[in-house]
Amino acid sequence: MYGLIGKMRAARGQRDAVMDVLRESTGALPGCLSYIIATDPVDADAIWVTEVWTDQASHKASLQLPEVQVAIAKARPFIAGFEFQVETHPVGGFGLPAQQSG
């Protein structure tokens, strides 16, 4: 599995607009096992996104999907920037398929 945890910053007062676009565009993405959008309890403009994919290739391919390209264009005016993104290798957990060790 392939994971990403990222923090983005919405333009002041536009956090809900960005989250609406993210929620509308993350329905059935091939290879996406989990896509969680969260607010930051102490930063009114921050958005945390935690993603789990079957593999890195699925994530990369999703960025080329027409519906994802439309969502990126729609959200871009409301995004002030991206603070960081961390790649992870999920090994399982509630809601994720078990991985075989070895």
PDB file of N, CA and C in Angstrom:
ATOM      1  N   MET A   1       0.835  -1.183   0.000  1.00  0.00           N
ATOM      2  CA  MET A   1       0.000   0.000   0.000  1.00  0.00           C
ATOM      3  C   MET A   1       0.879   1.244   0.000  1.00  0.00           C
ATOM      4  N   TYR A   2       0.285   2.327  -0.430  1.00  0.00           N
ATOM      5  CA  TYR A   2       0.974   3.605  -0.531  1.00  0.00           C
ATOM      6  C   TYR A   2       0.126   4.657   0.174  1.00  0.00           C
ATOM      7  N   GLY A   3       0.749   5.465   1.021  1.00  0.00           N
ATOM      8  CA  GLY A   3       0.005   6.479   1.753  1.00  0.00           C
ATOM      9  C   GLY A   3       0.605   7.861   1.623  1.00  0.00           C
ATOM     10  N   LEU A   4      -0.255   8.845   1.799  1.00  0.00           N
ATOM     11  CA  LEU A   4       0.155  10.244   1.808  1.00  0.00           C
ATOM     12  C   LEU A   4      -0.571  10.951   2.948  1.00  0.00           C
ATOM     13  N   ILE A   5       0.149  11.796   3.642  1.00  0.00           N
ATOM     14  CA  ILE A   5      -0.454  12.664   4.652  1.00  0.00           C
ATOM     15  C   ILE A   5       0.012  14.066   4.306  1.00  0.00           C
ATOM     16  N   GLY A   6      -0.927  14.969   4.074  1.00  0.00           N
ATOM     17  CA  GLY A   6      -0.552  16.312   3.675  1.00  0.00           C
ATOM     18  C   GLY A   6      -1.360  17.378   4.381  1.00  0.00           C
ATOM     19  N   LYS A   7      -0.758  18.541   4.457  1.00  0.00           N
ATOM     20  CA  LYS A   7      -1.431  19.701   5.041  1.00  0.00           C
ATOM     21  C   LYS A   7      -1.443  20.803   4.004  1.00  0.00           C
ATOM     22  N   MET A   8      -2.632  21.293   3.700  1.00  0.00           N
ATOM     23  CA  MET A   8      -2.757  22.416   2.779  1.00  0.00           C
ATOM     24  C   MET A   8      -3.373  23.603   3.498  1.00  0.00           C
ATOM     25  N   ARG A   9      -3.132  24.753   2.946  1.00  0.00           N
ATOM     26  CA  ARG A   9      -3.664  25.981   3.528  1.00  0.00           C
ATOM     27  C   ARG A   9      -4.625  26.612   2.542  1.00  0.00           C
ATOM     28  N   ALA A  10      -5.846  26.815   2.992  1.00  0.00           N
ATOM     29  CA  ALA A  10      -6.844  27.506   2.183  1.00  0.00           C
ATOM     30  C   ALA A  10      -6.626  29.007   2.317  1.00  0.00           C
ATOM     31  N   ALA A  11      -7.023  29.739   1.299  1.00  0.00           N
ATOM     32  CA  ALA A  11      -7.030  31.197   1.414  1.00  0.00           C
ATOM     33  C   ALA A  11      -7.945  31.552   2.585  1.00  0.00           C
ATOM     34  N   ARG A  12      -7.646  32.649   3.258  1.00  0.00           N
ATOM     35  CA  ARG A  12      -8.398  33.023   4.458  1.00  0.00           C
ATOM     36  C   ARG A  12      -9.907  32.970   4.207  1.00  0.00           C
ATOM     37  N   GLY A  13     -10.592  32.190   5.046  1.00  0.00           N
ATOM     38  CA  GLY A  13     -12.042  32.087   4.965  1.00  0.00           C
ATOM     39  C   GLY A  13     -12.563  31.139   3.887  1.00  0.00           C
ATOM     40  N   GLN A  14     -11.674  30.445   3.189  1.00  0.00           N
ATOM     41  CA  GLN A  14     -12.106  29.588   2.078  1.00  0.00           C
ATOM     42  C   GLN A  14     -11.932  28.085   2.364  1.00  0.00           C
ATOM     43  N   ARG A  15     -11.666  27.730   3.618  1.00  0.00           N
ATOM     44  CA  ARG A  15     -11.452  26.326   3.953  1.00  0.00           C
ATOM     45  C   ARG A  15     -12.636  25.461   3.546  1.00  0.00           C
ATOM     46  N   ASP A  16     -13.846  25.892   3.842  1.00  0.00           N
ATOM     47  CA  ASP A  16     -15.019  25.084   3.513  1.00  0.00           C
ATOM     48  C   ASP A  16     -15.181  24.903   2.011  1.00  0.00           C
ATOM     49  N   ALA A  17     -14.855  25.925   1.234  1.00  0.00           N
ATOM     50  CA  ALA A  17     -14.950  25.821  -0.227  1.00  0.00           C
ATOM     51  C   ALA A  17     -13.979  24.766  -0.751  1.00  0.00           C
ATOM     52  N   VAL A  18     -12.756  24.751  -0.224  1.00  0.00           N
ATOM     53  CA  VAL A  18     -11.777  23.745  -0.641  1.00  0.00           C
ATOM     54  C   VAL A  18     -12.244  22.355  -0.227  1.00  0.00           C
ATOM     55  N   MET A  19     -12.715  22.220   0.996  1.00  0.00           N
ATOM     56  CA  MET A  19     -13.173  20.905   1.462  1.00  0.00           C
ATOM     57  C   MET A  19     -14.369  20.419   0.658  1.00  0.00           C
ATOM     58  N   ASP A  20     -15.257  21.311   0.253  1.00  0.00           N
ATOM     59  CA  ASP A  20     -16.395  20.916  -0.580  1.00  0.00           C
ATOM     60  C   ASP A  20     -15.914  20.323  -1.904  1.00  0.00           C
ATOM     61  N   VAL A  21     -14.931  20.967  -2.532  1.00  0.00           N
ATOM     62  CA  VAL A  21     -14.393  20.441  -3.796  1.00  0.00           C
ATOM     63  C   VAL A  21     -13.743  19.085  -3.562  1.00  0.00           C
ATOM     64  N   LEU A  22     -12.973  18.946  -2.494  1.00  0.00           N
ATOM     65  CA  LEU A  22     -12.328  17.665  -2.196  1.00  0.00           C
ATOM     66  C   LEU A  22     -13.363  16.565  -1.976  1.00  0.00           C
ATOM     67  N   ARG A  23     -14.393  16.867  -1.227  1.00  0.00           N
ATOM     68  CA  ARG A  23     -15.434  15.854  -0.963  1.00  0.00           C
ATOM     69  C   ARG A  23     -16.176  15.466  -2.233  1.00  0.00           C
ATOM     70  N   GLU A  24     -16.448  16.430  -3.088  1.00  0.00           N
ATOM     71  CA  GLU A  24     -17.183  16.157  -4.335  1.00  0.00           C
ATOM     72  C   GLU A  24     -16.369  15.328  -5.318  1.00  0.00           C
ATOM     73  N   SER A  25     -15.048  15.402  -5.236  1.00  0.00           N
ATOM     74  CA  SER A  25     -14.208  14.803  -6.274  1.00  0.00           C
ATOM     75  C   SER A  25     -13.492  13.533  -5.845  1.00  0.00           C
ATOM     76  N   THR A  26     -13.775  13.038  -4.663  1.00  0.00           N
ATOM     77  CA  THR A  26     -13.022  11.877  -4.174  1.00  0.00           C
ATOM     78  C   THR A  26     -13.909  10.660  -3.968  1.00  0.00           C
ATOM     79  N   GLY A  27     -14.891  10.503  -4.815  1.00  0.00           N
ATOM     80  CA  GLY A  27     -15.798   9.365  -4.696  1.00  0.00           C
ATOM     81  C   GLY A  27     -15.146   8.033  -4.982  1.00  0.00           C
ATOM     82  N   ALA A  28     -15.153   7.621  -6.218  1.00  0.00           N
ATOM     83  CA  ALA A  28     -14.640   6.305  -6.594  1.00  0.00           C
ATOM     84  C   ALA A  28     -13.401   6.471  -7.461  1.00  0.00           C
ATOM     85  N   LEU A  29     -12.258   6.656  -6.829  1.00  0.00           N
ATOM     86  CA  LEU A  29     -11.005   6.772  -7.563  1.00  0.00           C
ATOM     87  C   LEU A  29     -10.357   5.394  -7.606  1.00  0.00           C
ATOM     88  N   PRO A  30     -10.031   4.897  -8.792  1.00  0.00           N
ATOM     89  CA  PRO A  30      -9.440   3.560  -8.895  1.00  0.00           C
ATOM     90  C   PRO A  30      -8.165   3.438  -8.058  1.00  0.00           C
ATOM     91  N   GLY A  31      -8.139   2.452  -7.196  1.00  0.00           N
ATOM     92  CA  GLY A  31      -6.970   2.206  -6.357  1.00  0.00           C
ATOM     93  C   GLY A  31      -6.965   2.950  -5.044  1.00  0.00           C
ATOM     94  N   CYS A  32      -7.927   3.839  -4.813  1.00  0.00           N
ATOM     95  CA  CYS A  32      -7.980   4.593  -3.562  1.00  0.00           C
ATOM     96  C   CYS A  32      -8.741   3.787  -2.518  1.00  0.00           C
ATOM     97  N   LEU A  33      -8.064   3.459  -1.426  1.00  0.00           N
ATOM     98  CA  LEU A  33      -8.681   2.690  -0.348  1.00  0.00           C
ATOM     99  C   LEU A  33      -9.259   3.585   0.734  1.00  0.00           C
ATOM    100  N   SER A  34      -8.673   4.768   0.895  1.00  0.00           N
ATOM    101  CA  SER A  34      -9.128   5.680   1.936  1.00  0.00           C
ATOM    102  C   SER A  34      -8.683   7.096   1.587  1.00  0.00           C
ATOM    103  N   TYR A  35      -9.598   8.066   1.773  1.00  0.00           N
ATOM    104  CA  TYR A  35      -9.286   9.465   1.513  1.00  0.00           C
ATOM    105  C   TYR A  35     -10.010  10.263   2.593  1.00  0.00           C
ATOM    106  N   ILE A  36      -9.259  10.728   3.567  1.00  0.00           N
ATOM    107  CA  ILE A  36      -9.836  11.408   4.733  1.00  0.00           C
ATOM    108  C   ILE A  36      -9.459  12.882   4.701  1.00  0.00           C
ATOM    109  N   ILE A  37     -10.460  13.739   4.798  1.00  0.00           N
ATOM    110  CA  ILE A  37     -10.269  15.186   4.833  1.00  0.00           C
ATOM    111  C   ILE A  37     -10.604  15.639   6.248  1.00  0.00           C
ATOM    112  N   ALA A  38      -9.707  16.418   6.850  1.00  0.00           N
ATOM    113  CA  ALA A  38      -9.922  16.841   8.241  1.00  0.00           C
ATOM    114  C   ALA A  38      -9.563  18.309   8.422  1.00  0.00           C
ATOM    115  N   THR A  39     -10.266  18.945   9.341  1.00  0.00           N
ATOM    116  CA  THR A  39      -9.925  20.309   9.721  1.00  0.00           C
ATOM    117  C   THR A  39      -8.887  20.261  10.834  1.00  0.00           C
ATOM    118  N   ASP A  40      -8.211  21.364  11.021  1.00  0.00           N
ATOM    119  CA  ASP A  40      -7.227  21.502  12.088  1.00  0.00           C
ATOM    120  C   ASP A  40      -7.916  22.237  13.236  1.00  0.00           C
ATOM    121  N   PRO A  41      -7.882  21.686  14.445  1.00  0.00           N
ATOM    122  CA  PRO A  41      -8.615  22.322  15.547  1.00  0.00           C
ATOM    123  C   PRO A  41      -8.069  23.672  15.993  1.00  0.00           C
ATOM    124  N   VAL A  42      -6.839  24.013  15.608  1.00  0.00           N
ATOM    125  CA  VAL A  42      -6.273  25.293  16.045  1.00  0.00           C
ATOM    126  C   VAL A  42      -5.946  26.244  14.896  1.00  0.00           C
ATOM    127  N   ASP A  43      -6.168  25.810  13.658  1.00  0.00           N
ATOM    128  CA  ASP A  43      -5.836  26.644  12.503  1.00  0.00           C
ATOM    129  C   ASP A  43      -7.035  26.639  11.553  1.00  0.00           C
ATOM    130  N   ALA A  44      -7.760  27.731  11.503  1.00  0.00           N
ATOM    131  CA  ALA A  44      -9.013  27.812  10.748  1.00  0.00           C
ATOM    132  C   ALA A  44      -8.841  27.710   9.237  1.00  0.00           C
ATOM    133  N   ASP A  45      -7.612  27.829   8.735  1.00  0.00           N
ATOM    134  CA  ASP A  45      -7.396  27.763   7.290  1.00  0.00           C
ATOM    135  C   ASP A  45      -6.681  26.490   6.851  1.00  0.00           C
ATOM    136  N   ALA A  46      -6.336  25.614   7.790  1.00  0.00           N
ATOM    137  CA  ALA A  46      -5.587  24.400   7.464  1.00  0.00           C
ATOM    138  C   ALA A  46      -6.521  23.225   7.191  1.00  0.00           C
ATOM    139  N   ILE A  47      -6.102  22.393   6.239  1.00  0.00           N
ATOM    140  CA  ILE A  47      -6.827  21.165   5.889  1.00  0.00           C
ATOM    141  C   ILE A  47      -5.802  20.033   5.857  1.00  0.00           C
ATOM    142  N   TRP A  48      -6.113  18.946   6.534  1.00  0.00           N
ATOM    143  CA  TRP A  48      -5.275  17.751   6.523  1.00  0.00           C
ATOM    144  C   TRP A  48      -5.940  16.717   5.627  1.00  0.00           C
ATOM    145  N   VAL A  49      -5.144  16.067   4.778  1.00  0.00           N
ATOM    146  CA  VAL A  49      -5.656  15.002   3.916  1.00  0.00           C
ATOM    147  C   VAL A  49      -4.780  13.768   4.138  1.00  0.00           C
ATOM    148  N   THR A  50      -5.440  12.658   4.466  1.00  0.00           N
ATOM    149  CA  THR A  50      -4.754  11.387   4.663  1.00  0.00           C
ATOM    150  C   THR A  50      -5.294  10.410   3.638  1.00  0.00           C
ATOM    151  N   GLU A  51      -4.408   9.875   2.817  1.00  0.00           N
ATOM    152  CA  GLU A  51      -4.804   9.005   1.713  1.00  0.00           C
ATOM    153  C   GLU A  51      -4.123   7.646   1.825  1.00  0.00           C
ATOM    154  N   VAL A  52      -4.833   6.587   1.438  1.00  0.00           N
ATOM    155  CA  VAL A  52      -4.240   5.264   1.294  1.00  0.00           C
ATOM    156  C   VAL A  52      -4.639   4.725  -0.071  1.00  0.00           C
ATOM    157  N   TRP A  53      -3.649   4.274  -0.818  1.00  0.00           N
ATOM    158  CA  TRP A  53      -3.823   3.759  -2.173  1.00  0.00           C
ATOM    159  C   TRP A  53      -3.274   2.345  -2.243  1.00  0.00           C
ATOM    160  N   THR A  54      -3.746   1.593  -3.217  1.00  0.00           N
ATOM    161  CA  THR A  54      -3.218   0.243  -3.396  1.00  0.00           C
ATOM    162  C   THR A  54      -1.728   0.302  -3.715  1.00  0.00           C
ATOM    163  N   ASP A  55      -1.317   1.321  -4.474  1.00  0.00           N
ATOM    164  CA  ASP A  55       0.090   1.498  -4.823  1.00  0.00           C
ATOM    165  C   ASP A  55       0.311   2.921  -5.318  1.00  0.00           C
ATOM    166  N   GLN A  56       1.566   3.304  -5.435  1.00  0.00           N
ATOM    167  CA  GLN A  56       1.905   4.655  -5.851  1.00  0.00           C
ATOM    168  C   GLN A  56       1.443   4.944  -7.282  1.00  0.00           C
ATOM    169  N   ALA A  57       1.471   3.932  -8.132  1.00  0.00           N
ATOM    170  CA  ALA A  57       1.043   4.123  -9.524  1.00  0.00           C
ATOM    171  C   ALA A  57      -0.433   4.515  -9.604  1.00  0.00           C
ATOM    172  N   SER A  58      -1.273   3.944  -8.742  1.00  0.00           N
ATOM    173  CA  SER A  58      -2.699   4.298  -8.727  1.00  0.00           C
ATOM    174  C   SER A  58      -2.891   5.762  -8.353  1.00  0.00           C
ATOM    175  N   HIS A  59      -2.129   6.218  -7.371  1.00  0.00           N
ATOM    176  CA  HIS A  59      -2.226   7.619  -6.977  1.00  0.00           C
ATOM    177  C   HIS A  59      -1.797   8.521  -8.132  1.00  0.00           C
ATOM    178  N   LYS A  60      -0.674   8.212  -8.723  1.00  0.00           N
ATOM    179  CA  LYS A  60      -0.168   9.029  -9.831  1.00  0.00           C
ATOM    180  C   LYS A  60      -1.157   9.059 -10.990  1.00  0.00           C
ATOM    181  N   ALA A  61      -1.738   7.906 -11.322  1.00  0.00           N
ATOM    182  CA  ALA A  61      -2.707   7.836 -12.415  1.00  0.00           C
ATOM    183  C   ALA A  61      -3.960   8.653 -12.105  1.00  0.00           C
ATOM    184  N   SER A  62      -4.354   8.695 -10.834  1.00  0.00           N
ATOM    185  CA  SER A  62      -5.570   9.437 -10.465  1.00  0.00           C
ATOM    186  C   SER A  62      -5.446  10.922 -10.776  1.00  0.00           C
ATOM    187  N   LEU A  63      -4.239  11.445 -10.717  1.00  0.00           N
ATOM    188  CA  LEU A  63      -4.032  12.873 -10.968  1.00  0.00           C
ATOM    189  C   LEU A  63      -4.295  13.249 -12.421  1.00  0.00           C
ATOM    190  N   GLN A  64      -4.351  12.256 -13.301  1.00  0.00           N
ATOM    191  CA  GLN A  64      -4.608  12.506 -14.713  1.00  0.00           C
ATOM    192  C   GLN A  64      -6.076  12.321 -15.100  1.00  0.00           C
ATOM    193  N   LEU A  65      -6.893  11.819 -14.177  1.00  0.00           N
ATOM    194  CA  LEU A  65      -8.314  11.613 -14.474  1.00  0.00           C
ATOM    195  C   LEU A  65      -8.993  12.951 -14.750  1.00  0.00           C
ATOM    196  N   PRO A  66      -9.870  13.005 -15.758  1.00  0.00           N
ATOM    197  CA  PRO A  66     -10.549  14.272 -16.082  1.00  0.00           C
ATOM    198  C   PRO A  66     -11.271  14.887 -14.884  1.00  0.00           C
ATOM    199  N   GLU A  67     -11.953  14.067 -14.093  1.00  0.00           N
ATOM    200  CA  GLU A  67     -12.688  14.621 -12.950  1.00  0.00           C
ATOM    201  C   GLU A  67     -11.759  15.192 -11.887  1.00  0.00           C
ATOM    202  N   VAL A  68     -10.575  14.617 -11.738  1.00  0.00           N
ATOM    203  CA  VAL A  68      -9.600  15.144 -10.784  1.00  0.00           C
ATOM    204  C   VAL A  68      -9.000  16.445 -11.324  1.00  0.00           C
ATOM    205  N   GLN A  69      -8.727  16.501 -12.608  1.00  0.00           N
ATOM    206  CA  GLN A  69      -8.211  17.728 -13.221  1.00  0.00           C
ATOM    207  C   GLN A  69      -9.215  18.877 -13.066  1.00  0.00           C
ATOM    208  N   VAL A  70     -10.502  18.589 -13.244  1.00  0.00           N
ATOM    209  CA  VAL A  70     -11.546  19.604 -13.062  1.00  0.00           C
ATOM    210  C   VAL A  70     -11.576  20.068 -11.609  1.00  0.00           C
ATOM    211  N   ALA A  71     -11.467  19.128 -10.665  1.00  0.00           N
ATOM    212  CA  ALA A  71     -11.486  19.477  -9.240  1.00  0.00           C
ATOM    213  C   ALA A  71     -10.286  20.346  -8.877  1.00  0.00           C
ATOM    214  N   ILE A  72      -9.119  20.010  -9.399  1.00  0.00           N
ATOM    215  CA  ILE A  72      -7.922  20.813  -9.122  1.00  0.00           C
ATOM    216  C   ILE A  72      -8.124  22.241  -9.627  1.00  0.00           C
ATOM    217  N   ALA A  73      -8.624  22.382 -10.825  1.00  0.00           N
ATOM    218  CA  ALA A  73      -8.862  23.710 -11.392  1.00  0.00           C
ATOM    219  C   ALA A  73      -9.898  24.488 -10.578  1.00  0.00           C
ATOM    220  N   LYS A  74     -10.923  23.778 -10.109  1.00  0.00           N
ATOM    221  CA  LYS A  74     -11.984  24.425  -9.334  1.00  0.00           C
ATOM    222  C   LYS A  74     -11.480  24.887  -7.963  1.00  0.00           C
ATOM    223  N   ALA A  75     -10.618  24.096  -7.336  1.00  0.00           N
ATOM    224  CA  ALA A  75     -10.136  24.419  -5.987  1.00  0.00           C
ATOM    225  C   ALA A  75      -8.969  25.402  -5.987  1.00  0.00           C
ATOM    226  N   ARG A  76      -8.196  25.430  -7.063  1.00  0.00           N
ATOM    227  CA  ARG A  76      -6.969  26.227  -7.109  1.00  0.00           C
ATOM    228  C   ARG A  76      -7.142  27.673  -6.620  1.00  0.00           C
ATOM    229  N   PRO A  77      -8.207  28.405  -7.015  1.00  0.00           N
ATOM    230  CA  PRO A  77      -8.337  29.796  -6.550  1.00  0.00           C
ATOM    231  C   PRO A  77      -8.518  29.935  -5.034  1.00  0.00           C
ATOM    232  N   PHE A  78      -8.908  28.856  -4.369  1.00  0.00           N
ATOM    233  CA  PHE A  78      -9.180  28.908  -2.937  1.00  0.00           C
ATOM    234  C   PHE A  78      -8.035  28.356  -2.094  1.00  0.00           C
ATOM    235  N   ILE A  79      -6.958  27.899  -2.729  1.00  0.00           N
ATOM    236  CA  ILE A  79      -5.837  27.290  -2.014  1.00  0.00           C
ATOM    237  C   ILE A  79      -4.686  28.286  -1.935  1.00  0.00           C
ATOM    238  N   ALA A  80      -4.229  28.542  -0.712  1.00  0.00           N
ATOM    239  CA  ALA A  80      -3.108  29.458  -0.510  1.00  0.00           C
ATOM    240  C   ALA A  80      -1.768  28.739  -0.646  1.00  0.00           C
ATOM    241  N   GLY A  81      -1.745  27.437  -0.385  1.00  0.00           N
ATOM    242  CA  GLY A  81      -0.489  26.704  -0.519  1.00  0.00           C
ATOM    243  C   GLY A  81      -0.546  25.349   0.142  1.00  0.00           C
ATOM    244  N   PHE A  82       0.557  24.631  -0.003  1.00  0.00           N
ATOM    245  CA  PHE A  82       0.704  23.305   0.589  1.00  0.00           C
ATOM    246  C   PHE A  82       1.886  23.362   1.538  1.00  0.00           C
ATOM    247  N   GLU A  83       1.654  23.018   2.796  1.00  0.00           N
ATOM    248  CA  GLU A  83       2.719  23.137   3.783  1.00  0.00           C
ATOM    249  C   GLU A  83       3.684  21.965   3.731  1.00  0.00           C
ATOM    250  N   PHE A  84       3.165  20.756   3.603  1.00  0.00           N
ATOM    251  CA  PHE A  84       4.039  19.610   3.448  1.00  0.00           C
ATOM    252  C   PHE A  84       3.237  18.383   3.057  1.00  0.00           C
ATOM    253  N   GLN A  85       3.966  17.373   2.579  1.00  0.00           N
ATOM    254  CA  GLN A  85       3.352  16.095   2.231  1.00  0.00           C
ATOM    255  C   GLN A  85       4.358  15.004   2.596  1.00  0.00           C
ATOM    256  N   VAL A  86       3.871  13.983   3.277  1.00  0.00           N
ATOM    257  CA  VAL A  86       4.711  12.879   3.712  1.00  0.00           C
ATOM    258  C   VAL A  86       4.192  11.599   3.095  1.00  0.00           C
ATOM    259  N   GLU A  87       5.085  10.816   2.501  1.00  0.00           N
ATOM    260  CA  GLU A  87       4.722   9.503   1.979  1.00  0.00           C
ATOM    261  C   GLU A  87       4.834   8.475   3.102  1.00  0.00           C
ATOM    262  N   THR A  88       3.910   7.536   3.118  1.00  0.00           N
ATOM    263  CA  THR A  88       3.951   6.456   4.102  1.00  0.00           C
ATOM    264  C   THR A  88       3.715   5.125   3.397  1.00  0.00           C
ATOM    265  N   HIS A  89       3.939   4.053   4.123  1.00  0.00           N
ATOM    266  CA  HIS A  89       3.660   2.700   3.635  1.00  0.00           C
ATOM    267  C   HIS A  89       2.717   2.035   4.636  1.00  0.00           C
ATOM    268  N   PRO A  90       1.401   2.255   4.490  1.00  0.00           N
ATOM    269  CA  PRO A  90       0.440   1.658   5.416  1.00  0.00           C
ATOM    270  C   PRO A  90       0.567   0.133   5.430  1.00  0.00           C
ATOM    271  N   VAL A  91       0.417  -0.437   6.596  1.00  0.00           N
ATOM    272  CA  VAL A  91       0.499  -1.893   6.736  1.00  0.00           C
ATOM    273  C   VAL A  91      -0.825  -2.505   7.151  1.00  0.00           C
ATOM    274  N   GLY A  92      -1.847  -1.679   7.336  1.00  0.00           N
ATOM    275  CA  GLY A  92      -3.167  -2.176   7.695  1.00  0.00           C
ATOM    276  C   GLY A  92      -3.811  -1.291   8.738  1.00  0.00           C
ATOM    277  N   GLY A  93      -4.936  -1.730   9.200  1.00  0.00           N
ATOM    278  CA  GLY A  93      -5.689  -0.978  10.186  1.00  0.00           C
ATOM    279  C   GLY A  93      -7.167  -1.108   9.883  1.00  0.00           C
ATOM    280  N   PHE A  94      -7.981  -0.569  10.740  1.00  0.00           N
ATOM    281  CA  PHE A  94      -9.426  -0.665  10.563  1.00  0.00           C
ATOM    282  C   PHE A  94      -9.819  -0.077   9.222  1.00  0.00           C
ATOM    283  N   GLY A  95     -10.543  -0.843   8.425  1.00  0.00           N
ATOM    284  CA  GLY A  95     -11.015  -0.378   7.133  1.00  0.00           C
ATOM    285  C   GLY A  95     -10.065  -0.650   5.981  1.00  0.00           C
ATOM    286  N   LEU A  96      -8.876  -1.112   6.262  1.00  0.00           N
ATOM    287  CA  LEU A  96      -7.903  -1.403   5.204  1.00  0.00           C
ATOM    288  C   LEU A  96      -7.710  -2.913   5.093  1.00  0.00           C
ATOM    289  N   PRO A  97      -7.396  -3.399   3.886  1.00  0.00           N
ATOM    290  CA  PRO A  97      -7.158  -4.822   3.744  1.00  0.00           C
ATOM    291  C   PRO A  97      -5.868  -5.223   4.480  1.00  0.00           C
ATOM    292  N   ALA A  98      -5.871  -6.417   5.025  1.00  0.00           N
ATOM    293  CA  ALA A  98      -4.673  -6.919   5.715  1.00  0.00           C
ATOM    294  C   ALA A  98      -3.588  -7.188   4.690  1.00  0.00           C
ATOM    295  N   GLN A  99      -2.376  -6.850   5.046  1.00  0.00           N
ATOM    296  CA  GLN A  99      -1.228  -7.145   4.187  1.00  0.00           C
ATOM    297  C   GLN A  99      -0.529  -8.369   4.730  1.00  0.00           C
ATOM    298  N   GLN A 100      -0.041  -9.193   3.826  1.00  0.00           N
ATOM    299  CA  GLN A 100       0.725 -10.352   4.253  1.00  0.00           C
ATOM    300  C   GLN A 100       2.147  -9.914   4.532  1.00  0.00           C
ATOM    301  N   SER A 101       2.719 -10.430   5.600  1.00  0.00           N
ATOM    302  CA  SER A 101       4.105 -10.080   5.914  1.00  0.00           C
ATOM    303  C   SER A 101       5.026 -11.034   5.184  1.00  0.00           C
ATOM    304  N   GLY A 102       6.236 -10.558   5.015  1.00  0.00           N
ATOM    305  CA  GLY A 102       7.227 -11.450   4.423  1.00  0.00           C
ATOM    306  C   GLY A 102       7.853 -10.940   3.263  1.00  0.00           C
TER     307      GLY A 102
END
